[in-house]
Amino acid sequence: MKASIDRDGCIGCGLCADTCPEVFRMADDGLAEVYVETIPTEAEDTAKEAEDSCPVSVITVE
């Protein structure tokens, strides 16, 4: 599985990084970023939870 973020729509709330720090983190510009190429198997459920919880729906996990 891979994750992506439409950073143009990100509001920098940090929910994804709090939910799944194995995949998401807050960048220096205050927006979220994906920092792993492939989502670790043990983090797939929390990555999907981050996608579902994003208040502006800019996260895609596939």
C-alpha atoms as a PDB file:
ATOM      1  CA  MET A   1       0.000   0.000   0.000  1.00  0.00           C
ATOM      2  CA  LYS A   2       1.018   3.566  -0.651  1.00  0.00           C
ATOM      3  CA  ALA A   3      -0.224   6.864   0.733  1.00  0.00           C
ATOM      4  CA  SER A   4      -0.344  10.320  -0.776  1.00  0.00           C
ATOM      5  CA  ILE A   5      -1.472  13.741   0.380  1.00  0.00           C
ATOM      6  CA  ASP A   6      -2.807  16.582  -1.751  1.00  0.00           C
ATOM      7  CA  ARG A   7      -0.751  19.171   0.073  1.00  0.00           C
ATOM      8  CA  ASP A   8      -2.536  22.033  -1.698  1.00  0.00           C
ATOM      9  CA  GLY A   9      -5.651  21.157   0.296  1.00  0.00           C
ATOM     10  CA  CYS A  10      -3.932  20.252   3.575  1.00  0.00           C
ATOM     11  CA  ILE A  11      -4.863  22.510   6.492  1.00  0.00           C
ATOM     12  CA  GLY A  12      -2.043  21.292   8.756  1.00  0.00           C
ATOM     13  CA  CYS A  13      -4.272  19.970  11.541  1.00  0.00           C
ATOM     14  CA  GLY A  14      -1.825  17.130  12.324  1.00  0.00           C
ATOM     15  CA  LEU A  15      -4.491  14.457  12.775  1.00  0.00           C
ATOM     16  CA  CYS A  16      -2.848  12.084  10.283  1.00  0.00           C
ATOM     17  CA  ALA A  17       0.545  12.372  11.955  1.00  0.00           C
ATOM     18  CA  ASP A  18      -1.060  11.754  15.355  1.00  0.00           C
ATOM     19  CA  THR A  19      -3.054   8.782  14.028  1.00  0.00           C
ATOM     20  CA  CYS A  20      -0.314   7.108  11.983  1.00  0.00           C
ATOM     21  CA  PRO A  21       3.162   8.489  12.722  1.00  0.00           C
ATOM     22  CA  GLU A  22       4.721   5.514  10.915  1.00  0.00           C
ATOM     23  CA  VAL A  23       3.586   7.040   7.602  1.00  0.00           C
ATOM     24  CA  PHE A  24       2.722  10.721   8.110  1.00  0.00           C
ATOM     25  CA  ARG A  25       4.555  13.624   9.718  1.00  0.00           C
ATOM     26  CA  MET A  26       4.323  17.373   9.805  1.00  0.00           C
ATOM     27  CA  ALA A  27       6.803  19.066   7.493  1.00  0.00           C
ATOM     28  CA  ASP A  28       8.712  22.248   8.249  1.00  0.00           C
ATOM     29  CA  ASP A  29       6.117  24.251   6.288  1.00  0.00           C
ATOM     30  CA  GLY A  30       3.392  23.156   8.734  1.00  0.00           C
ATOM     31  CA  LEU A  31       1.660  20.785   6.318  1.00  0.00           C
ATOM     32  CA  ALA A  32       1.467  17.016   6.508  1.00  0.00           C
ATOM     33  CA  GLU A  33       3.655  14.804   4.362  1.00  0.00           C
ATOM     34  CA  VAL A  34       4.090  11.118   3.628  1.00  0.00           C
ATOM     35  CA  TYR A  35       7.634  10.085   4.482  1.00  0.00           C
ATOM     36  CA  VAL A  36       7.680   6.380   3.622  1.00  0.00           C
ATOM     37  CA  GLU A  37       7.634   4.844   0.146  1.00  0.00           C
ATOM     38  CA  THR A  38       5.490   1.852   1.114  1.00  0.00           C
ATOM     39  CA  ILE A  39       3.193   1.663   4.128  1.00  0.00           C
ATOM     40  CA  PRO A  40       4.455  -0.988   6.572  1.00  0.00           C
ATOM     41  CA  THR A  41       2.014  -3.881   6.904  1.00  0.00           C
ATOM     42  CA  GLU A  42       1.520  -3.218  10.607  1.00  0.00           C
ATOM     43  CA  ALA A  43       0.530   0.412   9.869  1.00  0.00           C
ATOM     44  CA  GLU A  44      -2.000  -0.247   7.079  1.00  0.00           C
ATOM     45  CA  ASP A  45      -5.049  -0.049   9.362  1.00  0.00           C
ATOM     46  CA  THR A  46      -3.969   3.200  11.010  1.00  0.00           C
ATOM     47  CA  ALA A  47      -3.046   4.710   7.620  1.00  0.00           C
ATOM     48  CA  LYS A  48      -6.598   3.966   6.421  1.00  0.00           C
ATOM     49  CA  GLU A  49      -7.919   5.455   9.661  1.00  0.00           C
ATOM     50  CA  ALA A  50      -5.915   8.626   8.953  1.00  0.00           C
ATOM     51  CA  GLU A  51      -7.393   8.733   5.443  1.00  0.00           C
ATOM     52  CA  ASP A  52     -10.931   8.339   6.787  1.00  0.00           C
ATOM     53  CA  SER A  53     -10.374  10.896   9.574  1.00  0.00           C
ATOM     54  CA  CYS A  54      -8.847  13.667   7.459  1.00  0.00           C
ATOM     55  CA  PRO A  55     -11.201  16.654   7.847  1.00  0.00           C
ATOM     56  CA  VAL A  56     -10.440  17.925   4.319  1.00  0.00           C
ATOM     57  CA  SER A  57     -10.182  14.494   2.621  1.00  0.00           C
ATOM     58  CA  VAL A  58      -6.763  15.072   1.041  1.00  0.00           C
ATOM     59  CA  ILE A  59      -5.234  11.689   1.983  1.00  0.00           C
ATOM     60  CA  THR A  60      -5.343   8.713  -0.370  1.00  0.00           C
ATOM     61  CA  VAL A  61      -4.284   5.237   0.732  1.00  0.00           C
ATOM     62  CA  GLU A  62      -4.238   2.515  -1.905  1.00  0.00           C
END
